[in-house]
């Protein structure tokens, strides 16, 4: 087989990738150094390999890398702004929602996508979004609490930004 060159934007950076036609997105991401994308079941059941594709969570183990050509990817490495954690990451730390950390990157990405789509989700919506990411450590109580807390904190953060901009 011959190599293909695709162009993707990963965490805001445009990148050309040389891939084989059958390469999975998970494998290419890890080959390119995005270690926060975890290899789990490789069948789309566990969700540990979740990334955001054009803002929506997908299991990267189920997608060919070639399908990402011309698209935007966000991995956990691109969520924080430099040293400043994203509010969802802060909430996960504040609420003890991080145990072994294997599923945490996928949970944070799914929560981020949910909050961008629905800034004030119900507990049921949070549980539904997180249901695609299996966790053996936390029992989901703390991650759900963390996402709900991040949602409540977001309007305050937006208000501070708006006040600063008005000055």
N, C-alpha and C. Protein backbone atom coordinates (compact mmCIF):
# COMPACT_ATOMS: atom_id res chain seq x y z
N UNK A 1 0.84 -1.19 0.00
CA UNK A 1 0.00 0.00 0.00
C UNK A 1 0.87 1.24 0.00
N UNK A 2 0.33 2.30 -0.52
CA UNK A 2 1.10 3.54 -0.57
C UNK A 2 0.63 4.49 0.52
N UNK A 3 1.56 5.34 0.92
CA UNK A 3 1.26 6.34 1.94
C UNK A 3 0.27 7.37 1.41
N UNK A 4 -0.50 7.91 2.33
CA UNK A 4 -1.38 9.04 2.05
C UNK A 4 -0.90 10.20 2.90
N UNK A 5 -1.11 11.40 2.44
CA UNK A 5 -0.86 12.57 3.27
C UNK A 5 -2.22 13.21 3.52
N UNK A 6 -2.54 13.35 4.80
CA UNK A 6 -3.78 14.03 5.17
C UNK A 6 -3.41 15.27 5.96
N UNK A 7 -4.34 16.19 6.03
CA UNK A 7 -4.12 17.44 6.77
C UNK A 7 -5.19 17.55 7.84
N UNK A 8 -4.74 17.63 9.08
CA UNK A 8 -5.65 17.73 10.22
C UNK A 8 -5.22 18.91 11.09
N UNK A 9 -6.15 19.38 11.87
CA UNK A 9 -5.83 20.37 12.88
C UNK A 9 -6.00 19.68 14.22
N UNK A 10 -4.92 19.58 14.97
CA UNK A 10 -4.93 18.90 16.27
C UNK A 10 -4.60 19.93 17.34
N UNK A 11 -5.53 20.10 18.25
CA UNK A 11 -5.35 21.05 19.35
C UNK A 11 -4.98 22.44 18.85
N UNK A 12 -5.57 22.82 17.73
CA UNK A 12 -5.36 24.15 17.16
C UNK A 12 -4.19 24.27 16.20
N UNK A 13 -3.40 23.23 16.05
CA UNK A 13 -2.23 23.27 15.17
C UNK A 13 -2.49 22.45 13.90
N UNK A 14 -2.34 23.09 12.74
CA UNK A 14 -2.49 22.38 11.47
C UNK A 14 -1.29 21.46 11.28
N UNK A 15 -1.58 20.23 10.89
CA UNK A 15 -0.51 19.24 10.73
C UNK A 15 -0.76 18.36 9.51
N UNK A 16 0.29 18.11 8.75
CA UNK A 16 0.18 17.07 7.73
C UNK A 16 0.60 15.75 8.37
N UNK A 17 -0.12 14.70 8.07
CA UNK A 17 0.23 13.37 8.57
C UNK A 17 0.40 12.43 7.40
N UNK A 18 1.45 11.64 7.45
CA UNK A 18 1.66 10.59 6.46
C UNK A 18 1.12 9.31 7.10
N UNK A 19 0.14 8.72 6.45
CA UNK A 19 -0.53 7.55 7.00
C UNK A 19 -0.66 6.46 5.93
N UNK A 20 -0.96 5.28 6.38
CA UNK A 20 -1.36 4.17 5.51
C UNK A 20 -2.88 4.21 5.43
N UNK A 21 -3.47 3.76 4.35
CA UNK A 21 -4.92 3.82 4.20
C UNK A 21 -5.70 3.15 5.34
N UNK A 22 -5.19 2.09 5.93
CA UNK A 22 -5.91 1.37 6.98
C UNK A 22 -5.58 1.80 8.40
N UNK A 23 -4.75 2.84 8.57
CA UNK A 23 -4.39 3.28 9.91
C UNK A 23 -5.60 3.79 10.67
N UNK A 24 -5.72 3.36 11.92
CA UNK A 24 -6.77 3.88 12.78
C UNK A 24 -6.34 5.21 13.38
N UNK A 25 -7.31 6.08 13.62
CA UNK A 25 -7.02 7.38 14.20
C UNK A 25 -6.30 7.24 15.54
N UNK A 26 -6.72 6.30 16.35
CA UNK A 26 -6.07 6.06 17.64
C UNK A 26 -4.58 5.81 17.47
N UNK A 27 -4.23 4.95 16.54
CA UNK A 27 -2.82 4.59 16.33
C UNK A 27 -2.01 5.78 15.83
N UNK A 28 -2.58 6.57 14.94
CA UNK A 28 -1.85 7.73 14.42
C UNK A 28 -1.69 8.79 15.50
N UNK A 29 -2.73 9.03 16.27
CA UNK A 29 -2.61 10.02 17.36
C UNK A 29 -1.49 9.62 18.32
N UNK A 30 -1.47 8.38 18.73
CA UNK A 30 -0.43 7.93 19.66
C UNK A 30 0.95 7.97 19.00
N UNK A 31 1.04 7.60 17.73
CA UNK A 31 2.30 7.67 17.00
C UNK A 31 2.80 9.10 16.92
N UNK A 32 1.87 10.06 16.84
CA UNK A 32 2.23 11.47 16.76
C UNK A 32 2.48 12.09 18.14
N UNK A 33 2.41 11.30 19.21
CA UNK A 33 2.77 11.77 20.54
C UNK A 33 1.63 12.22 21.42
N UNK A 34 0.39 11.95 21.04
CA UNK A 34 -0.76 12.31 21.87
C UNK A 34 -1.09 11.13 22.78
N UNK A 35 -0.36 11.05 23.89
CA UNK A 35 -0.44 9.90 24.78
C UNK A 35 -1.67 9.92 25.67
N UNK A 36 -2.38 11.04 25.74
CA UNK A 36 -3.60 11.11 26.53
C UNK A 36 -4.73 10.30 25.93
N UNK A 37 -4.61 9.95 24.66
CA UNK A 37 -5.59 9.08 23.99
C UNK A 37 -5.21 7.66 24.37
N UNK A 38 -6.06 7.02 25.14
CA UNK A 38 -5.73 5.70 25.69
C UNK A 38 -6.24 4.57 24.82
N UNK A 39 -5.44 3.51 24.76
CA UNK A 39 -5.84 2.28 24.08
C UNK A 39 -6.55 1.42 25.13
N UNK A 40 -7.80 1.11 24.86
CA UNK A 40 -8.56 0.28 25.79
C UNK A 40 -8.99 -1.00 25.12
N UNK A 41 -10.28 -1.09 24.85
CA UNK A 41 -10.85 -2.32 24.32
C UNK A 41 -10.62 -2.52 22.83
N UNK A 42 -10.40 -1.43 22.10
CA UNK A 42 -10.22 -1.44 20.65
C UNK A 42 -11.47 -1.91 19.89
N UNK A 43 -12.63 -1.85 20.56
CA UNK A 43 -13.90 -2.22 19.92
C UNK A 43 -14.96 -1.13 20.10
N UNK A 44 -14.58 0.00 20.68
CA UNK A 44 -15.53 1.10 20.87
C UNK A 44 -16.41 0.96 22.09
N UNK A 45 -16.14 0.00 22.95
CA UNK A 45 -16.98 -0.24 24.12
C UNK A 45 -16.57 0.57 25.34
N UNK A 46 -15.28 0.84 25.52
CA UNK A 46 -14.82 1.44 26.78
C UNK A 46 -14.73 2.97 26.73
N UNK A 47 -14.52 3.54 25.57
CA UNK A 47 -14.47 4.99 25.44
C UNK A 47 -13.16 5.64 25.86
N UNK A 48 -12.17 4.86 26.28
CA UNK A 48 -10.90 5.44 26.74
C UNK A 48 -10.16 6.18 25.64
N UNK A 49 -10.48 5.88 24.40
CA UNK A 49 -9.79 6.49 23.26
C UNK A 49 -10.53 7.71 22.72
N UNK A 50 -11.51 8.21 23.46
CA UNK A 50 -12.33 9.33 22.97
C UNK A 50 -11.51 10.59 22.74
N UNK A 51 -11.80 11.24 21.63
CA UNK A 51 -11.28 12.57 21.30
C UNK A 51 -12.46 13.36 20.75
N UNK A 52 -12.29 14.66 20.61
CA UNK A 52 -13.34 15.45 19.98
C UNK A 52 -12.98 15.66 18.51
N UNK A 53 -13.90 15.32 17.65
CA UNK A 53 -13.76 15.52 16.21
C UNK A 53 -14.78 16.57 15.82
N UNK A 54 -14.29 17.73 15.40
CA UNK A 54 -15.17 18.85 15.10
C UNK A 54 -16.11 19.13 16.27
N UNK A 55 -15.59 18.98 17.49
CA UNK A 55 -16.33 19.31 18.71
C UNK A 55 -17.19 18.20 19.28
N UNK A 56 -17.25 17.06 18.62
CA UNK A 56 -18.08 15.95 19.09
C UNK A 56 -17.22 14.76 19.49
N UNK A 57 -17.56 14.09 20.60
CA UNK A 57 -16.79 12.93 21.03
C UNK A 57 -16.94 11.76 20.05
N UNK A 58 -15.81 11.15 19.76
CA UNK A 58 -15.81 9.93 18.95
C UNK A 58 -14.80 8.96 19.55
N UNK A 59 -14.98 7.69 19.30
CA UNK A 59 -14.00 6.68 19.71
C UNK A 59 -12.97 6.57 18.59
N UNK A 60 -11.75 6.98 18.88
CA UNK A 60 -10.73 7.00 17.84
C UNK A 60 -10.29 5.61 17.40
N UNK A 61 -10.65 4.57 18.17
CA UNK A 61 -10.31 3.21 17.77
C UNK A 61 -11.23 2.69 16.67
N UNK A 62 -12.32 3.42 16.41
CA UNK A 62 -13.28 2.97 15.40
C UNK A 62 -13.24 3.79 14.12
N UNK A 63 -12.31 4.72 14.04
CA UNK A 63 -12.27 5.62 12.89
C UNK A 63 -10.93 5.51 12.17
N UNK A 64 -10.99 5.43 10.86
CA UNK A 64 -9.75 5.47 10.10
C UNK A 64 -9.19 6.88 10.14
N UNK A 65 -7.88 6.99 10.22
CA UNK A 65 -7.23 8.30 10.25
C UNK A 65 -7.56 9.10 9.00
N UNK A 66 -7.69 8.43 7.87
CA UNK A 66 -8.00 9.13 6.61
C UNK A 66 -9.31 9.88 6.67
N UNK A 67 -10.23 9.42 7.52
CA UNK A 67 -11.52 10.10 7.67
C UNK A 67 -11.39 11.44 8.39
N UNK A 68 -10.27 11.68 9.03
CA UNK A 68 -10.04 12.94 9.73
C UNK A 68 -9.45 14.02 8.82
N UNK A 69 -9.19 13.68 7.58
CA UNK A 69 -8.59 14.65 6.65
C UNK A 69 -9.45 15.92 6.58
N UNK A 70 -8.82 17.07 6.81
CA UNK A 70 -9.50 18.35 6.74
C UNK A 70 -10.35 18.68 7.96
N UNK A 71 -10.23 17.90 9.01
CA UNK A 71 -11.08 18.08 10.19
C UNK A 71 -10.27 18.55 11.38
N UNK A 72 -10.98 18.90 12.44
CA UNK A 72 -10.35 19.41 13.65
C UNK A 72 -10.49 18.40 14.78
N UNK A 73 -9.37 18.09 15.41
CA UNK A 73 -9.32 17.15 16.53
C UNK A 73 -8.89 17.88 17.79
N UNK A 74 -9.48 17.48 18.89
CA UNK A 74 -9.04 17.98 20.20
C UNK A 74 -8.77 16.77 21.07
N UNK A 75 -7.55 16.71 21.60
CA UNK A 75 -7.18 15.67 22.56
C UNK A 75 -7.03 16.34 23.92
N UNK A 76 -6.85 15.56 24.94
CA UNK A 76 -6.72 16.11 26.30
C UNK A 76 -5.53 17.07 26.38
N UNK A 77 -4.52 16.84 25.56
CA UNK A 77 -3.35 17.72 25.59
C UNK A 77 -3.68 19.15 25.17
N UNK A 78 -4.78 19.35 24.47
CA UNK A 78 -5.16 20.68 24.00
C UNK A 78 -6.24 21.36 24.81
N UNK A 79 -6.66 20.76 25.92
CA UNK A 79 -7.78 21.32 26.69
C UNK A 79 -7.33 22.49 27.57
N UNK A 80 -6.24 22.35 28.28
CA UNK A 80 -5.75 23.44 29.13
C UNK A 80 -5.17 24.55 28.26
N UNK A 81 -5.16 25.74 28.80
CA UNK A 81 -4.54 26.89 28.13
C UNK A 81 -3.20 27.14 28.81
N UNK A 82 -2.15 26.56 28.27
CA UNK A 82 -0.84 26.66 28.91
C UNK A 82 -0.88 25.97 30.26
N UNK A 83 -0.56 26.71 31.31
CA UNK A 83 -0.57 26.17 32.67
C UNK A 83 -1.95 26.24 33.31
N UNK A 84 -2.88 26.95 32.69
CA UNK A 84 -4.23 27.13 33.26
C UNK A 84 -5.14 26.00 32.81
N UNK A 85 -5.61 25.23 33.78
CA UNK A 85 -6.50 24.12 33.47
C UNK A 85 -7.87 24.63 33.04
N UNK A 86 -8.53 23.85 32.23
CA UNK A 86 -9.91 24.12 31.83
C UNK A 86 -10.79 23.94 33.07
N UNK A 87 -11.90 24.67 33.18
CA UNK A 87 -12.78 24.51 34.35
C UNK A 87 -13.23 23.07 34.61
N UNK A 88 -13.41 22.27 33.58
CA UNK A 88 -13.77 20.87 33.79
C UNK A 88 -12.61 20.13 34.45
N UNK A 89 -11.40 20.39 34.01
CA UNK A 89 -10.23 19.75 34.63
C UNK A 89 -10.11 20.17 36.10
N UNK A 90 -10.31 21.44 36.37
CA UNK A 90 -10.27 21.95 37.75
C UNK A 90 -11.33 21.25 38.60
N UNK A 91 -12.53 21.14 38.06
CA UNK A 91 -13.63 20.50 38.80
C UNK A 91 -13.33 19.03 39.08
N UNK A 92 -12.73 18.34 38.12
CA UNK A 92 -12.38 16.94 38.34
C UNK A 92 -11.38 16.83 39.50
N UNK A 93 -10.43 17.72 39.56
CA UNK A 93 -9.47 17.70 40.67
C UNK A 93 -10.14 18.07 41.98
N UNK A 94 -10.93 19.13 41.97
CA UNK A 94 -11.59 19.62 43.19
C UNK A 94 -12.55 18.59 43.78
N UNK A 95 -13.17 17.77 42.96
CA UNK A 95 -14.16 16.81 43.43
C UNK A 95 -13.64 15.39 43.54
N UNK A 96 -12.34 15.22 43.41
CA UNK A 96 -11.76 13.88 43.55
C UNK A 96 -12.25 12.91 42.49
N UNK A 97 -12.51 13.42 41.29
CA UNK A 97 -13.04 12.59 40.22
C UNK A 97 -11.94 11.89 39.43
N UNK A 98 -10.71 12.03 39.86
CA UNK A 98 -9.57 11.41 39.19
C UNK A 98 -9.03 10.32 40.10
N UNK A 99 -9.07 9.10 39.64
CA UNK A 99 -8.50 8.01 40.41
C UNK A 99 -7.25 7.54 39.69
N UNK A 100 -7.35 6.48 38.91
CA UNK A 100 -6.16 5.97 38.21
C UNK A 100 -5.81 6.86 37.02
N UNK A 101 -6.80 7.59 36.49
CA UNK A 101 -6.55 8.53 35.41
C UNK A 101 -6.69 7.95 34.01
N UNK A 102 -6.94 6.67 33.89
CA UNK A 102 -6.99 6.06 32.56
C UNK A 102 -8.17 6.58 31.75
N UNK A 103 -9.34 6.70 32.37
CA UNK A 103 -10.52 7.16 31.65
C UNK A 103 -10.68 8.68 31.72
N UNK A 104 -9.93 9.33 32.59
CA UNK A 104 -10.12 10.76 32.84
C UNK A 104 -10.01 11.63 31.59
N UNK A 105 -9.01 11.44 30.73
CA UNK A 105 -8.96 12.29 29.53
C UNK A 105 -10.24 12.23 28.70
N UNK A 106 -10.76 11.02 28.50
CA UNK A 106 -11.99 10.87 27.72
C UNK A 106 -13.17 11.50 28.43
N UNK A 107 -13.26 11.33 29.74
CA UNK A 107 -14.37 11.93 30.50
C UNK A 107 -14.32 13.45 30.41
N UNK A 108 -13.14 14.02 30.56
CA UNK A 108 -12.99 15.48 30.49
C UNK A 108 -13.42 15.97 29.10
N UNK A 109 -12.98 15.30 28.06
CA UNK A 109 -13.34 15.71 26.70
C UNK A 109 -14.85 15.60 26.47
N UNK A 110 -15.45 14.52 26.93
CA UNK A 110 -16.90 14.36 26.77
C UNK A 110 -17.65 15.43 27.56
N UNK A 111 -17.18 15.72 28.77
CA UNK A 111 -17.82 16.76 29.58
C UNK A 111 -17.68 18.12 28.92
N UNK A 112 -16.52 18.41 28.38
CA UNK A 112 -16.30 19.68 27.69
C UNK A 112 -17.26 19.83 26.52
N UNK A 113 -17.42 18.78 25.75
CA UNK A 113 -18.34 18.81 24.60
C UNK A 113 -19.78 19.03 25.07
N UNK A 114 -20.16 18.36 26.14
CA UNK A 114 -21.51 18.52 26.66
C UNK A 114 -21.75 19.95 27.12
N UNK A 115 -20.82 20.52 27.87
CA UNK A 115 -21.01 21.87 28.41
C UNK A 115 -21.00 22.92 27.31
N UNK A 116 -20.30 22.68 26.23
CA UNK A 116 -20.33 23.62 25.11
C UNK A 116 -21.68 23.57 24.39
N UNK A 117 -22.28 22.40 24.36
CA UNK A 117 -23.57 22.23 23.70
C UNK A 117 -24.72 22.59 24.64
N UNK A 118 -24.56 22.27 25.93
CA UNK A 118 -25.61 22.48 26.92
C UNK A 118 -24.97 23.02 28.20
N UNK A 119 -24.87 24.35 28.35
CA UNK A 119 -24.14 24.94 29.48
C UNK A 119 -24.71 24.62 30.86
N UNK A 120 -25.97 24.24 30.93
CA UNK A 120 -26.58 23.91 32.23
C UNK A 120 -27.26 22.54 32.13
N UNK A 121 -26.47 21.48 32.00
CA UNK A 121 -27.05 20.15 31.80
C UNK A 121 -27.69 19.63 33.08
N UNK A 122 -28.62 18.73 32.90
CA UNK A 122 -29.20 18.02 34.04
C UNK A 122 -28.26 16.90 34.43
N UNK A 123 -28.49 16.34 35.61
CA UNK A 123 -27.68 15.21 36.03
C UNK A 123 -27.85 14.05 35.05
N UNK A 124 -29.06 13.86 34.56
CA UNK A 124 -29.31 12.78 33.60
C UNK A 124 -28.52 12.99 32.31
N UNK A 125 -28.42 14.23 31.85
CA UNK A 125 -27.64 14.51 30.64
C UNK A 125 -26.15 14.25 30.87
N UNK A 126 -25.67 14.61 32.04
CA UNK A 126 -24.26 14.36 32.37
C UNK A 126 -24.00 12.85 32.41
N UNK A 127 -24.88 12.14 33.07
CA UNK A 127 -24.71 10.68 33.15
C UNK A 127 -24.76 10.03 31.77
N UNK A 128 -25.65 10.52 30.92
CA UNK A 128 -25.75 9.98 29.56
C UNK A 128 -24.45 10.22 28.80
N UNK A 129 -23.91 11.44 28.90
CA UNK A 129 -22.66 11.75 28.18
C UNK A 129 -21.51 10.90 28.69
N UNK A 130 -21.42 10.73 30.00
CA UNK A 130 -20.31 9.97 30.57
C UNK A 130 -20.50 8.46 30.43
N UNK A 131 -21.69 8.03 30.06
CA UNK A 131 -21.95 6.59 29.97
C UNK A 131 -21.12 5.90 28.89
N UNK A 132 -20.60 6.66 27.96
CA UNK A 132 -19.78 6.07 26.91
C UNK A 132 -18.34 5.85 27.31
N UNK A 133 -17.99 6.25 28.54
CA UNK A 133 -16.61 6.08 29.03
C UNK A 133 -16.66 5.21 30.28
N UNK A 134 -16.14 4.01 30.18
CA UNK A 134 -16.17 3.10 31.32
C UNK A 134 -15.09 3.45 32.34
N UNK A 135 -15.48 3.40 33.61
CA UNK A 135 -14.55 3.68 34.71
C UNK A 135 -14.73 2.61 35.77
N UNK A 136 -13.64 2.02 36.18
CA UNK A 136 -13.69 1.00 37.23
C UNK A 136 -13.35 1.55 38.60
N UNK A 137 -12.91 2.80 38.67
CA UNK A 137 -12.41 3.34 39.94
C UNK A 137 -13.41 4.23 40.69
N UNK A 138 -14.07 5.14 39.97
CA UNK A 138 -14.82 6.19 40.68
C UNK A 138 -16.28 5.90 40.92
N UNK A 139 -16.87 4.97 40.19
CA UNK A 139 -18.29 4.71 40.34
C UNK A 139 -19.16 5.82 39.77
N UNK A 140 -18.57 6.77 39.07
CA UNK A 140 -19.25 7.85 38.33
C UNK A 140 -19.81 8.96 39.22
N UNK A 141 -19.97 8.74 40.50
CA UNK A 141 -20.55 9.78 41.37
C UNK A 141 -19.71 11.05 41.33
N UNK A 142 -18.44 10.94 41.55
CA UNK A 142 -17.57 12.12 41.59
C UNK A 142 -17.42 12.79 40.22
N UNK A 143 -17.26 12.03 39.13
CA UNK A 143 -17.22 12.71 37.83
C UNK A 143 -18.51 13.47 37.51
N UNK A 144 -19.64 12.89 37.85
CA UNK A 144 -20.92 13.58 37.61
C UNK A 144 -20.97 14.86 38.43
N UNK A 145 -20.59 14.78 39.71
CA UNK A 145 -20.55 15.97 40.56
C UNK A 145 -19.61 17.02 39.98
N UNK A 146 -18.48 16.59 39.47
CA UNK A 146 -17.49 17.52 38.91
C UNK A 146 -18.05 18.25 37.69
N UNK A 147 -18.72 17.54 36.81
CA UNK A 147 -19.27 18.17 35.61
C UNK A 147 -20.36 19.16 35.99
N UNK A 148 -21.22 18.77 36.92
CA UNK A 148 -22.28 19.69 37.36
C UNK A 148 -21.69 20.93 38.02
N UNK A 149 -20.62 20.76 38.79
CA UNK A 149 -19.96 21.91 39.43
C UNK A 149 -19.32 22.82 38.38
N UNK A 150 -18.71 22.23 37.37
CA UNK A 150 -18.10 23.03 36.30
C UNK A 150 -19.18 23.83 35.56
N UNK A 151 -20.34 23.23 35.38
CA UNK A 151 -21.45 23.93 34.72
C UNK A 151 -21.91 25.12 35.56
N UNK A 152 -21.99 24.93 36.87
CA UNK A 152 -22.42 26.02 37.75
C UNK A 152 -21.38 27.13 37.81
N UNK A 153 -20.10 26.77 37.73
CA UNK A 153 -19.03 27.77 37.81
C UNK A 153 -18.88 28.55 36.52
N UNK A 154 -19.28 27.98 35.40
CA UNK A 154 -19.08 28.63 34.10
C UNK A 154 -19.74 30.00 33.99
N UNK A 155 -20.99 30.21 34.43
CA UNK A 155 -21.57 31.55 34.31
C UNK A 155 -20.79 32.60 35.10
N UNK A 156 -20.25 32.22 36.25
CA UNK A 156 -19.44 33.14 37.04
C UNK A 156 -18.18 33.52 36.27
N UNK A 157 -17.55 32.53 35.66
CA UNK A 157 -16.33 32.79 34.88
C UNK A 157 -16.65 33.68 33.69
N UNK A 158 -17.78 33.42 33.02
CA UNK A 158 -18.17 34.25 31.88
C UNK A 158 -18.44 35.68 32.34
N UNK A 159 -19.05 35.85 33.50
CA UNK A 159 -19.33 37.18 34.03
C UNK A 159 -18.06 37.95 34.31
N UNK A 160 -17.05 37.30 34.86
CA UNK A 160 -15.76 37.95 35.13
C UNK A 160 -15.12 38.40 33.83
N UNK A 161 -15.17 37.56 32.81
CA UNK A 161 -14.59 37.90 31.51
C UNK A 161 -15.32 39.10 30.91
N UNK A 162 -16.64 39.10 30.99
CA UNK A 162 -17.43 40.20 30.42
C UNK A 162 -17.14 41.51 31.16
N UNK A 163 -17.01 41.44 32.50
CA UNK A 163 -16.70 42.65 33.27
C UNK A 163 -15.32 43.19 32.91
N UNK A 164 -14.34 42.29 32.75
CA UNK A 164 -12.99 42.72 32.38
C UNK A 164 -13.00 43.39 31.01
N UNK A 165 -13.74 42.83 30.08
CA UNK A 165 -13.79 43.37 28.73
C UNK A 165 -14.46 44.73 28.71
N UNK A 166 -15.40 44.97 29.62
CA UNK A 166 -16.13 46.25 29.66
C UNK A 166 -15.26 47.38 30.20
N UNK A 167 -14.22 47.05 30.94
CA UNK A 167 -13.36 48.09 31.56
C UNK A 167 -12.52 48.82 30.56
